Amino acid sequence: MKQITLTIAENKFKTFLDFIKTLNYVEVVDTKAVAIKELQNSLKQVKLIQSGKLPKKSIDQLLDEFSN
């Protein structure tokens, strides 16, 4: 699957979004909702680590996650 980023005039955005949602081969992802969900999951992990329920990761493990 390919992805593209578009810049649409604010006053045309809703019309354009409504149109592309009618195309069965286009998936519209709400990136704000995805980012908020990922942030919430990260905060849960931090709280679990702070409470000792999850093991702490080394800096090497964190860097490996970012590079993959």
PDB file of N, CA and C in Angstrom:
ATOM      1  N   MET A   1       0.841  -1.172   0.000  1.00  0.00           N
ATOM      2  CA  MET A   1       0.000   0.000   0.000  1.00  0.00           C
ATOM      3  C   MET A   1       0.890   1.240   0.000  1.00  0.00           C
ATOM      4  N   LYS A   2       0.521   2.233  -0.738  1.00  0.00           N
ATOM      5  CA  LYS A   2       1.255   3.504  -0.828  1.00  0.00           C
ATOM      6  C   LYS A   2       0.540   4.551   0.014  1.00  0.00           C
ATOM      7  N   GLN A   3       1.304   5.550   0.444  1.00  0.00           N
ATOM      8  CA  GLN A   3       0.745   6.655   1.204  1.00  0.00           C
ATOM      9  C   GLN A   3       1.149   7.960   0.543  1.00  0.00           C
ATOM     10  N   ILE A   4       0.270   8.967   0.665  1.00  0.00           N
ATOM     11  CA  ILE A   4       0.621  10.287   0.170  1.00  0.00           C
ATOM     12  C   ILE A   4       0.132  11.331   1.179  1.00  0.00           C
ATOM     13  N   THR A   5       0.777  12.459   1.167  1.00  0.00           N
ATOM     14  CA  THR A   5       0.373  13.572   2.011  1.00  0.00           C
ATOM     15  C   THR A   5      -0.096  14.691   1.099  1.00  0.00           C
ATOM     16  N   LEU A   6      -1.272  15.230   1.395  1.00  0.00           N
ATOM     17  CA  LEU A   6      -1.850  16.287   0.583  1.00  0.00           C
ATOM     18  C   LEU A   6      -2.047  17.543   1.426  1.00  0.00           C
ATOM     19  N   THR A   7      -1.940  18.670   0.775  1.00  0.00           N
ATOM     20  CA  THR A   7      -2.270  19.938   1.414  1.00  0.00           C
ATOM     21  C   THR A   7      -3.518  20.463   0.712  1.00  0.00           C
ATOM     22  N   ILE A   8      -4.597  20.594   1.481  1.00  0.00           N
ATOM     23  CA  ILE A   8      -5.893  20.999   0.921  1.00  0.00           C
ATOM     24  C   ILE A   8      -6.330  22.297   1.592  1.00  0.00           C
ATOM     25  N   ALA A   9      -6.893  23.189   0.814  1.00  0.00           N
ATOM     26  CA  ALA A   9      -7.415  24.442   1.368  1.00  0.00           C
ATOM     27  C   ALA A   9      -8.464  24.111   2.431  1.00  0.00           C
ATOM     28  N   GLU A  10      -8.422  24.853   3.514  1.00  0.00           N
ATOM     29  CA  GLU A  10      -9.314  24.595   4.652  1.00  0.00           C
ATOM     30  C   GLU A  10     -10.781  24.568   4.228  1.00  0.00           C
ATOM     31  N   ASN A  11     -11.181  25.484   3.363  1.00  0.00           N
ATOM     32  CA  ASN A  11     -12.590  25.549   2.976  1.00  0.00           C
ATOM     33  C   ASN A  11     -13.009  24.425   2.022  1.00  0.00           C
ATOM     34  N   LYS A  12     -12.066  23.659   1.490  1.00  0.00           N
ATOM     35  CA  LYS A  12     -12.370  22.538   0.584  1.00  0.00           C
ATOM     36  C   LYS A  12     -12.115  21.179   1.238  1.00  0.00           C
ATOM     37  N   PHE A  13     -11.552  21.206   2.444  1.00  0.00           N
ATOM     38  CA  PHE A  13     -11.115  19.964   3.076  1.00  0.00           C
ATOM     39  C   PHE A  13     -12.252  18.973   3.301  1.00  0.00           C
ATOM     40  N   LYS A  14     -13.344  19.395   3.910  1.00  0.00           N
ATOM     41  CA  LYS A  14     -14.446  18.481   4.213  1.00  0.00           C
ATOM     42  C   LYS A  14     -15.012  17.860   2.943  1.00  0.00           C
ATOM     43  N   THR A  15     -15.186  18.664   1.904  1.00  0.00           N
ATOM     44  CA  THR A  15     -15.705  18.157   0.633  1.00  0.00           C
ATOM     45  C   THR A  15     -14.764  17.111   0.053  1.00  0.00           C
ATOM     46  N   PHE A  16     -13.475  17.409   0.069  1.00  0.00           N
ATOM     47  CA  PHE A  16     -12.486  16.473  -0.461  1.00  0.00           C
ATOM     48  C   PHE A  16     -12.476  15.181   0.353  1.00  0.00           C
ATOM     49  N   LEU A  17     -12.493  15.299   1.678  1.00  0.00           N
ATOM     50  CA  LEU A  17     -12.485  14.131   2.545  1.00  0.00           C
ATOM     51  C   LEU A  17     -13.727  13.268   2.317  1.00  0.00           C
ATOM     52  N   ASP A  18     -14.877  13.906   2.221  1.00  0.00           N
ATOM     53  CA  ASP A  18     -16.113  13.163   1.948  1.00  0.00           C
ATOM     54  C   ASP A  18     -16.011  12.407   0.622  1.00  0.00           C
ATOM     55  N   PHE A  19     -15.423  13.042  -0.379  1.00  0.00           N
ATOM     56  CA  PHE A  19     -15.274  12.395  -1.675  1.00  0.00           C
ATOM     57  C   PHE A  19     -14.352  11.179  -1.607  1.00  0.00           C
ATOM     58  N   ILE A  20     -13.170  11.338  -1.030  1.00  0.00           N
ATOM     59  CA  ILE A  20     -12.231  10.204  -1.051  1.00  0.00           C
ATOM     60  C   ILE A  20     -12.711   9.049  -0.178  1.00  0.00           C
ATOM     61  N   LYS A  21     -13.544   9.332   0.811  1.00  0.00           N
ATOM     62  CA  LYS A  21     -14.111   8.251   1.622  1.00  0.00           C
ATOM     63  C   LYS A  21     -15.073   7.388   0.815  1.00  0.00           C
ATOM     64  N   THR A  22     -15.577   7.906  -0.310  1.00  0.00           N
ATOM     65  CA  THR A  22     -16.473   7.109  -1.162  1.00  0.00           C
ATOM     66  C   THR A  22     -15.709   6.116  -2.026  1.00  0.00           C
ATOM     67  N   LEU A  23     -14.403   6.266  -2.123  1.00  0.00           N
ATOM     68  CA  LEU A  23     -13.584   5.369  -2.939  1.00  0.00           C
ATOM     69  C   LEU A  23     -13.236   4.128  -2.131  1.00  0.00           C
ATOM     70  N   ASN A  24     -13.611   2.957  -2.635  1.00  0.00           N
ATOM     71  CA  ASN A  24     -13.412   1.723  -1.867  1.00  0.00           C
ATOM     72  C   ASN A  24     -11.946   1.311  -1.746  1.00  0.00           C
ATOM     73  N   TYR A  25     -11.066   1.907  -2.498  1.00  0.00           N
ATOM     74  CA  TYR A  25      -9.654   1.545  -2.446  1.00  0.00           C
ATOM     75  C   TYR A  25      -8.816   2.543  -1.648  1.00  0.00           C
ATOM     76  N   VAL A  26      -9.475   3.501  -0.997  1.00  0.00           N
ATOM     77  CA  VAL A  26      -8.774   4.504  -0.199  1.00  0.00           C
ATOM     78  C   VAL A  26      -9.128   4.317   1.265  1.00  0.00           C
ATOM     79  N   GLU A  27      -8.105   4.298   2.118  1.00  0.00           N
ATOM     80  CA  GLU A  27      -8.301   4.214   3.557  1.00  0.00           C
ATOM     81  C   GLU A  27      -7.890   5.557   4.166  1.00  0.00           C
ATOM     82  N   VAL A  28      -8.802   6.173   4.893  1.00  0.00           N
ATOM     83  CA  VAL A  28      -8.522   7.452   5.538  1.00  0.00           C
ATOM     84  C   VAL A  28      -8.239   7.171   7.008  1.00  0.00           C
ATOM     85  N   VAL A  29      -7.043   7.534   7.449  1.00  0.00           N
ATOM     86  CA  VAL A  29      -6.626   7.295   8.822  1.00  0.00           C
ATOM     87  C   VAL A  29      -6.580   8.626   9.559  1.00  0.00           C
ATOM     88  N   ASP A  30      -7.210   8.668  10.720  1.00  0.00           N
ATOM     89  CA  ASP A  30      -7.178   9.874  11.552  1.00  0.00           C
ATOM     90  C   ASP A  30      -5.864   9.860  12.325  1.00  0.00           C
ATOM     91  N   THR A  31      -4.875  10.582  11.826  1.00  0.00           N
ATOM     92  CA  THR A  31      -3.540  10.539  12.430  1.00  0.00           C
ATOM     93  C   THR A  31      -3.518  11.116  13.833  1.00  0.00           C
ATOM     94  N   LYS A  32      -4.386  12.081  14.118  1.00  0.00           N
ATOM     95  CA  LYS A  32      -4.431  12.638  15.469  1.00  0.00           C
ATOM     96  C   LYS A  32      -4.898  11.572  16.459  1.00  0.00           C
ATOM     97  N   ALA A  33      -5.911  10.809  16.076  1.00  0.00           N
ATOM     98  CA  ALA A  33      -6.428   9.764  16.963  1.00  0.00           C
ATOM     99  C   ALA A  33      -5.371   8.684  17.184  1.00  0.00           C
ATOM    100  N   VAL A  34      -4.642   8.335  16.140  1.00  0.00           N
ATOM    101  CA  VAL A  34      -3.584   7.330  16.257  1.00  0.00           C
ATOM    102  C   VAL A  34      -2.478   7.843  17.179  1.00  0.00           C
ATOM    103  N   ALA A  35      -2.082   9.095  17.016  1.00  0.00           N
ATOM    104  CA  ALA A  35      -1.022   9.668  17.848  1.00  0.00           C
ATOM    105  C   ALA A  35      -1.446   9.724  19.314  1.00  0.00           C
ATOM    106  N   ILE A  36      -2.685  10.102  19.566  1.00  0.00           N
ATOM    107  CA  ILE A  36      -3.177  10.174  20.950  1.00  0.00           C
ATOM    108  C   ILE A  36      -3.196   8.785  21.574  1.00  0.00           C
ATOM    109  N   LYS A  37      -3.640   7.788  20.820  1.00  0.00           N
ATOM    110  CA  LYS A  37      -3.675   6.418  21.338  1.00  0.00           C
ATOM    111  C   LYS A  37      -2.265   5.919  21.655  1.00  0.00           C
ATOM    112  N   GLU A  38      -1.309   6.191  20.769  1.00  0.00           N
ATOM    113  CA  GLU A  38       0.074   5.778  21.007  1.00  0.00           C
ATOM    114  C   GLU A  38       0.661   6.477  22.227  1.00  0.00           C
ATOM    115  N   LEU A  39       0.348   7.748  22.392  1.00  0.00           N
ATOM    116  CA  LEU A  39       0.827   8.495  23.555  1.00  0.00           C
ATOM    117  C   LEU A  39       0.236   7.930  24.842  1.00  0.00           C
ATOM    118  N   GLN A  40      -1.052   7.610  24.825  1.00  0.00           N
ATOM    119  CA  GLN A  40      -1.698   7.017  26.001  1.00  0.00           C
ATOM    120  C   GLN A  40      -1.052   5.676  26.353  1.00  0.00           C
ATOM    121  N   ASN A  41      -0.760   4.865  25.340  1.00  0.00           N
ATOM    122  CA  ASN A  41      -0.101   3.573  25.582  1.00  0.00           C
ATOM    123  C   ASN A  41       1.292   3.770  26.166  1.00  0.00           C
ATOM    124  N   SER A  42       2.002   4.759  25.667  1.00  0.00           N
ATOM    125  CA  SER A  42       3.339   5.035  26.187  1.00  0.00           C
ATOM    126  C   SER A  42       3.286   5.465  27.650  1.00  0.00           C
ATOM    127  N   LEU A  43       2.323   6.310  27.985  1.00  0.00           N
ATOM    128  CA  LEU A  43       2.182   6.748  29.370  1.00  0.00           C
ATOM    129  C   LEU A  43       1.834   5.583  30.299  1.00  0.00           C
ATOM    130  N   LYS A  44       1.003   4.662  29.813  1.00  0.00           N
ATOM    131  CA  LYS A  44       0.678   3.465  30.608  1.00  0.00           C
ATOM    132  C   LYS A  44       1.934   2.642  30.869  1.00  0.00           C
ATOM    133  N   GLN A  45       2.779   2.502  29.829  1.00  0.00           N
ATOM    134  CA  GLN A  45       4.017   1.750  29.993  1.00  0.00           C
ATOM    135  C   GLN A  45       4.939   2.422  31.005  1.00  0.00           C
ATOM    136  N   VAL A  46       5.036   3.735  30.946  1.00  0.00           N
ATOM    137  CA  VAL A  46       5.884   4.466  31.897  1.00  0.00           C
ATOM    138  C   VAL A  46       5.397   4.223  33.324  1.00  0.00           C
ATOM    139  N   LYS A  47       4.096   4.298  33.526  1.00  0.00           N
ATOM    140  CA  LYS A  47       3.538   4.065  34.864  1.00  0.00           C
ATOM    141  C   LYS A  47       3.810   2.634  35.336  1.00  0.00           C
ATOM    142  N   LEU A  48       3.707   1.663  34.419  1.00  0.00           N
ATOM    143  CA  LEU A  48       4.002   0.273  34.792  1.00  0.00           C
ATOM    144  C   LEU A  48       5.474   0.090  35.136  1.00  0.00           C
ATOM    145  N   ILE A  49       6.348   0.763  34.409  1.00  0.00           N
ATOM    146  CA  ILE A  49       7.784   0.690  34.694  1.00  0.00           C
ATOM    147  C   ILE A  49       8.077   1.330  36.049  1.00  0.00           C
ATOM    148  N   GLN A  50       7.460   2.485  36.303  1.00  0.00           N
ATOM    149  CA  GLN A  50       7.679   3.175  37.573  1.00  0.00           C
ATOM    150  C   GLN A  50       7.178   2.347  38.761  1.00  0.00           C
ATOM    151  N   SER A  51       6.122   1.586  38.547  1.00  0.00           N
ATOM    152  CA  SER A  51       5.582   0.766  39.637  1.00  0.00           C
ATOM    153  C   SER A  51       6.288  -0.581  39.753  1.00  0.00           C
ATOM    154  N   GLY A  52       7.216  -0.853  38.837  1.00  0.00           N
ATOM    155  CA  GLY A  52       7.976  -2.097  38.892  1.00  0.00           C
ATOM    156  C   GLY A  52       7.288  -3.275  38.230  1.00  0.00           C
ATOM    157  N   LYS A  53       6.182  -3.038  37.557  1.00  0.00           N
ATOM    158  CA  LYS A  53       5.437  -4.124  36.900  1.00  0.00           C
ATOM    159  C   LYS A  53       5.994  -4.453  35.517  1.00  0.00           C
ATOM    160  N   LEU A  54       6.775  -3.566  34.961  1.00  0.00           N
ATOM    161  CA  LEU A  54       7.470  -3.808  33.696  1.00  0.00           C
ATOM    162  C   LEU A  54       8.951  -3.546  33.920  1.00  0.00           C
ATOM    163  N   PRO A  55       9.807  -4.357  33.291  1.00  0.00           N
ATOM    164  CA  PRO A  55      11.251  -4.123  33.468  1.00  0.00           C
ATOM    165  C   PRO A  55      11.695  -2.869  32.715  1.00  0.00           C
ATOM    166  N   LYS A  56      12.702  -2.204  33.270  1.00  0.00           N
ATOM    167  CA  LYS A  56      13.275  -1.042  32.602  1.00  0.00           C
ATOM    168  C   LYS A  56      14.088  -1.521  31.417  1.00  0.00           C
ATOM    169  N   LYS A  57      14.140  -0.694  30.369  1.00  0.00           N
ATOM    170  CA  LYS A  57      14.929  -1.017  29.181  1.00  0.00           C
ATOM    171  C   LYS A  57      16.232  -0.240  29.227  1.00  0.00           C
ATOM    172  N   SER A  58      17.262  -0.867  28.697  1.00  0.00           N
ATOM    173  CA  SER A  58      18.547  -0.175  28.611  1.00  0.00           C
ATOM    174  C   SER A  58      18.497   0.827  27.466  1.00  0.00           C
ATOM    175  N   ILE A  59      19.427   1.740  27.454  1.00  0.00           N
ATOM    176  CA  ILE A  59      19.480   2.736  26.380  1.00  0.00           C
ATOM    177  C   ILE A  59      19.701   2.050  25.036  1.00  0.00           C
ATOM    178  N   ASP A  60      20.457   0.948  25.021  1.00  0.00           N
ATOM    179  CA  ASP A  60      20.686   0.209  23.771  1.00  0.00           C
ATOM    180  C   ASP A  60      19.381  -0.376  23.237  1.00  0.00           C
ATOM    181  N   GLN A  61      18.543  -0.899  24.137  1.00  0.00           N
ATOM    182  CA  GLN A  61      17.256  -1.460  23.722  1.00  0.00           C
ATOM    183  C   GLN A  61      16.355  -0.363  23.152  1.00  0.00           C
ATOM    184  N   LEU A  62      16.349   0.799  23.784  1.00  0.00           N
ATOM    185  CA  LEU A  62      15.533   1.907  23.283  1.00  0.00           C
ATOM    186  C   LEU A  62      16.007   2.372  21.907  1.00  0.00           C
ATOM    187  N   LEU A  63      17.319   2.490  21.745  1.00  0.00           N
ATOM    188  CA  LEU A  63      17.861   2.916  20.445  1.00  0.00           C
ATOM    189  C   LEU A  63      17.570   1.895  19.359  1.00  0.00           C
ATOM    190  N   ASP A  64      17.610   0.609  19.711  1.00  0.00           N
ATOM    191  CA  ASP A  64      17.267  -0.438  18.744  1.00  0.00           C
ATOM    192  C   ASP A  64      15.818  -0.301  18.289  1.00  0.00           C
ATOM    193  N   GLU A  65      14.923   0.026  19.206  1.00  0.00           N
ATOM    194  CA  GLU A  65      13.511   0.212  18.839  1.00  0.00           C
ATOM    195  C   GLU A  65      13.334   1.376  17.879  1.00  0.00           C
ATOM    196  N   PHE A  66      14.088   2.447  18.093  1.00  0.00           N
ATOM    197  CA  PHE A  66      13.964   3.614  17.207  1.00  0.00           C
ATOM    198  C   PHE A  66      14.548   3.349  15.831  1.00  0.00           C
ATOM    199  N   SER A  67      15.555   2.507  15.754  1.00  0.00           N
ATOM    200  CA  SER A  67      16.197   2.265  14.469  1.00  0.00           C
ATOM    201  C   SER A  67      15.450   1.243  13.616  1.00  0.00           C
ATOM    202  N   ASN A  68      14.514   0.530  14.200  1.00  0.00           N
ATOM    203  CA  ASN A  68      13.750  -0.484  13.424  1.00  0.00           C
ATOM    204  C   ASN A  68      12.481   0.070  12.888  1.00  0.00           C
TER     205      ASN A  68
END
